[in-house]
Amino acid sequence: MSKVPEKFRKFVRRYPAVARAYEEYAGACHRAGPLGDRERVLVKLGIAIGSNAEGSVKSQVRKALDLGVSPEEIRHAVLLAPTAIGLPKMMDALYWAEEILGPEDREEGAQPGR
């Protein structure tokens, strides 16, 4: 399922040492505590949602699916966001997640926040 965006692949080709250092840092952060893979990806999804970062939301959704997190669990994680960040930002994140998850019941042509 993992589909690395082309802009990231270009970054890795152009700056391989920086990309390696980033991956090493990320790995150290992952190993620094007791959270498992599923918990970490859901936490990072929440951070991406709170940051209103479309690319990061989509990346974490792809990673969550790769780890066996169900689409329903991902949607639930997104639905927890409005009391912390507001309904419009949650709606954007849900739209971005659905772009990766697929069109469950999404209205054709619907745009985030509308």
C-alpha atoms as a PDB file:
ATOM      1  CA  MET A   1       0.000   0.000   0.000  1.00  0.00           C
ATOM      2  CA  SER A   2       2.834   2.402   0.796  1.00  0.00           C
ATOM      3  CA  LYS A   3       3.219   4.911  -2.023  1.00  0.00           C
ATOM      4  CA  VAL A   4       6.045   7.338  -1.458  1.00  0.00           C
ATOM      5  CA  PRO A   5       5.256  10.692  -3.098  1.00  0.00           C
ATOM      6  CA  GLU A   6       7.471  11.654  -6.014  1.00  0.00           C
ATOM      7  CA  LYS A   7       8.616  14.876  -4.329  1.00  0.00           C
ATOM      8  CA  PHE A   8      10.042  12.818  -1.442  1.00  0.00           C
ATOM      9  CA  ARG A   9      11.781  10.413  -3.844  1.00  0.00           C
ATOM     10  CA  LYS A  10      13.335  13.415  -5.611  1.00  0.00           C
ATOM     11  CA  PHE A  11      14.464  14.813  -2.259  1.00  0.00           C
ATOM     12  CA  VAL A  12      16.144  11.482  -1.378  1.00  0.00           C
ATOM     13  CA  ARG A  13      17.907  11.344  -4.749  1.00  0.00           C
ATOM     14  CA  ARG A  14      19.123  14.926  -4.475  1.00  0.00           C
ATOM     15  CA  TYR A  15      20.067  14.899  -0.773  1.00  0.00           C
ATOM     16  CA  PRO A  16      20.767  11.272   0.191  1.00  0.00           C
ATOM     17  CA  ALA A  17      22.872  12.118   3.261  1.00  0.00           C
ATOM     18  CA  VAL A  18      20.163  14.397   4.655  1.00  0.00           C
ATOM     19  CA  ALA A  19      17.503  11.757   3.955  1.00  0.00           C
ATOM     20  CA  ARG A  20      19.587   9.077   5.740  1.00  0.00           C
ATOM     21  CA  ALA A  21      20.128  11.357   8.740  1.00  0.00           C
ATOM     22  CA  TYR A  22      16.391  12.075   8.905  1.00  0.00           C
ATOM     23  CA  GLU A  23      15.562   8.348   8.783  1.00  0.00           C
ATOM     24  CA  GLU A  24      18.113   7.608  11.528  1.00  0.00           C
ATOM     25  CA  TYR A  25      16.655  10.371  13.706  1.00  0.00           C
ATOM     26  CA  ALA A  26      13.109   9.110  13.130  1.00  0.00           C
ATOM     27  CA  GLY A  27      14.206   5.576  14.030  1.00  0.00           C
ATOM     28  CA  ALA A  28      15.810   6.783  17.254  1.00  0.00           C
ATOM     29  CA  CYS A  29      12.580   8.588  18.182  1.00  0.00           C
ATOM     30  CA  HIS A  30      10.586   5.413  17.541  1.00  0.00           C
ATOM     31  CA  ARG A  31      12.891   3.336  19.736  1.00  0.00           C
ATOM     32  CA  ALA A  32      12.955   5.913  22.558  1.00  0.00           C
ATOM     33  CA  GLY A  33       9.792   4.724  24.295  1.00  0.00           C
ATOM     34  CA  PRO A  34       7.376   1.884  24.918  1.00  0.00           C
ATOM     35  CA  LEU A  35       4.760   2.604  22.236  1.00  0.00           C
ATOM     36  CA  GLY A  36       4.280  -0.048  19.594  1.00  0.00           C
ATOM     37  CA  ASP A  37       4.013   0.521  15.858  1.00  0.00           C
ATOM     38  CA  ARG A  38       0.208   0.860  15.808  1.00  0.00           C
ATOM     39  CA  GLU A  39       0.151   3.298  18.707  1.00  0.00           C
ATOM     40  CA  ARG A  40       2.944   5.405  17.199  1.00  0.00           C
ATOM     41  CA  VAL A  41       1.278   5.696  13.806  1.00  0.00           C
ATOM     42  CA  LEU A  42      -2.041   6.717  15.384  1.00  0.00           C
ATOM     43  CA  VAL A  43      -0.292   9.311  17.567  1.00  0.00           C
ATOM     44  CA  LYS A  44       1.532  10.662  14.523  1.00  0.00           C
ATOM     45  CA  LEU A  45      -1.757  10.729  12.591  1.00  0.00           C
ATOM     46  CA  GLY A  46      -3.238  12.845  15.381  1.00  0.00           C
ATOM     47  CA  ILE A  47      -0.265  15.205  15.267  1.00  0.00           C
ATOM     48  CA  ALA A  48      -0.600  15.505  11.480  1.00  0.00           C
ATOM     49  CA  ILE A  49      -4.323  16.223  11.809  1.00  0.00           C
ATOM     50  CA  GLY A  50      -3.677  18.877  14.474  1.00  0.00           C
ATOM     51  CA  SER A  51      -1.016  20.449  12.265  1.00  0.00           C
ATOM     52  CA  ASN A  52      -3.446  20.533   9.336  1.00  0.00           C
ATOM     53  CA  ALA A  53      -0.706  18.936   7.228  1.00  0.00           C
ATOM     54  CA  GLU A  54      -2.283  17.193   4.235  1.00  0.00           C
ATOM     55  CA  GLY A  55       0.819  15.317   3.101  1.00  0.00           C
ATOM     56  CA  SER A  56       1.548  14.079   6.595  1.00  0.00           C
ATOM     57  CA  VAL A  57      -2.059  12.949   7.150  1.00  0.00           C
ATOM     58  CA  LYS A  58      -1.947  10.963   3.922  1.00  0.00           C
ATOM     59  CA  SER A  59       1.467   9.499   4.797  1.00  0.00           C
ATOM     60  CA  GLN A  60       0.320   8.378   8.239  1.00  0.00           C
ATOM     61  CA  VAL A  61      -2.859   6.847   6.788  1.00  0.00           C
ATOM     62  CA  ARG A  62      -0.756   4.832   4.321  1.00  0.00           C
ATOM     63  CA  LYS A  63       1.603   3.735   7.101  1.00  0.00           C
ATOM     64  CA  ALA A  64      -1.328   2.814   9.356  1.00  0.00           C
ATOM     65  CA  LEU A  65      -2.846   0.628   6.644  1.00  0.00           C
ATOM     66  CA  ASP A  66       0.543  -1.041   6.089  1.00  0.00           C
ATOM     67  CA  LEU A  67       0.613  -1.860   9.820  1.00  0.00           C
ATOM     68  CA  GLY A  68      -2.832  -3.451   9.722  1.00  0.00           C
ATOM     69  CA  VAL A  69      -4.796  -0.574  11.234  1.00  0.00           C
ATOM     70  CA  SER A  70      -8.290  -0.867   9.780  1.00  0.00           C
ATOM     71  CA  PRO A  71      -9.948   1.920   7.816  1.00  0.00           C
ATOM     72  CA  GLU A  72     -12.577   2.101  10.569  1.00  0.00           C
ATOM     73  CA  GLU A  73      -9.872   2.627  13.227  1.00  0.00           C
ATOM     74  CA  ILE A  74      -8.280   5.354  11.101  1.00  0.00           C
ATOM     75  CA  ARG A  75     -11.618   7.084  10.601  1.00  0.00           C
ATOM     76  CA  HIS A  76     -12.280   6.856  14.349  1.00  0.00           C
ATOM     77  CA  ALA A  77      -8.916   8.495  15.087  1.00  0.00           C
ATOM     78  CA  VAL A  78      -9.812  11.345  12.731  1.00  0.00           C
ATOM     79  CA  LEU A  79     -13.278  11.713  14.252  1.00  0.00           C
ATOM     80  CA  LEU A  80     -11.700  12.332  17.673  1.00  0.00           C
ATOM     81  CA  ALA A  81     -10.127  15.576  16.442  1.00  0.00           C
ATOM     82  CA  PRO A  82     -12.878  18.229  16.440  1.00  0.00           C
ATOM     83  CA  THR A  83     -13.025  18.778  20.191  1.00  0.00           C
ATOM     84  CA  ALA A  84      -9.310  19.631  20.127  1.00  0.00           C
ATOM     85  CA  ILE A  85      -8.877  21.417  16.775  1.00  0.00           C
ATOM     86  CA  GLY A  86     -12.362  22.229  15.493  1.00  0.00           C
ATOM     87  CA  LEU A  87     -14.780  20.641  13.073  1.00  0.00           C
ATOM     88  CA  PRO A  88     -13.514  22.324   9.873  1.00  0.00           C
ATOM     89  CA  LYS A  89      -9.938  21.044  10.351  1.00  0.00           C
ATOM     90  CA  MET A  90     -11.242  17.562  11.158  1.00  0.00           C
ATOM     91  CA  MET A  91     -13.349  17.653   7.987  1.00  0.00           C
ATOM     92  CA  ASP A  92     -10.233  18.495   5.949  1.00  0.00           C
ATOM     93  CA  ALA A  93      -8.321  15.624   7.557  1.00  0.00           C
ATOM     94  CA  LEU A  94     -11.178  13.198   6.967  1.00  0.00           C
ATOM     95  CA  TYR A  95     -11.290  14.184   3.306  1.00  0.00           C
ATOM     96  CA  TRP A  96      -7.516  13.651   2.966  1.00  0.00           C
ATOM     97  CA  ALA A  97      -7.731  10.292   4.735  1.00  0.00           C
ATOM     98  CA  GLU A  98     -10.568   9.212   2.449  1.00  0.00           C
ATOM     99  CA  GLU A  99      -8.411  10.017  -0.574  1.00  0.00           C
ATOM    100  CA  ILE A 100      -6.132   7.211   0.619  1.00  0.00           C
ATOM    101  CA  LEU A 101      -8.755   4.896   2.106  1.00  0.00           C
ATOM    102  CA  GLY A 102     -11.017   5.052  -0.896  1.00  0.00           C
ATOM    103  CA  PRO A 103     -14.505   6.325  -1.475  1.00  0.00           C
ATOM    104  CA  GLU A 104     -16.515   4.536   1.192  1.00  0.00           C
ATOM    105  CA  ASP A 105     -19.558   6.808   1.238  1.00  0.00           C
ATOM    106  CA  ARG A 106     -17.820   9.999   0.159  1.00  0.00           C
ATOM    107  CA  GLU A 107     -19.935  12.273  -1.966  1.00  0.00           C
ATOM    108  CA  GLU A 108     -18.658  12.577  -5.494  1.00  0.00           C
ATOM    109  CA  GLY A 109     -16.923  15.920  -5.962  1.00  0.00           C
ATOM    110  CA  ALA A 110     -17.112  16.906  -2.283  1.00  0.00           C
ATOM    111  CA  GLN A 111     -14.341  19.214  -1.136  1.00  0.00           C
ATOM    112  CA  PRO A 112     -12.834  19.511   2.345  1.00  0.00           C
ATOM    113  CA  GLY A 113     -14.701  21.778   4.706  1.00  0.00           C
ATOM    114  CA  ARG A 114     -17.758  22.014   2.444  1.00  0.00           C
END
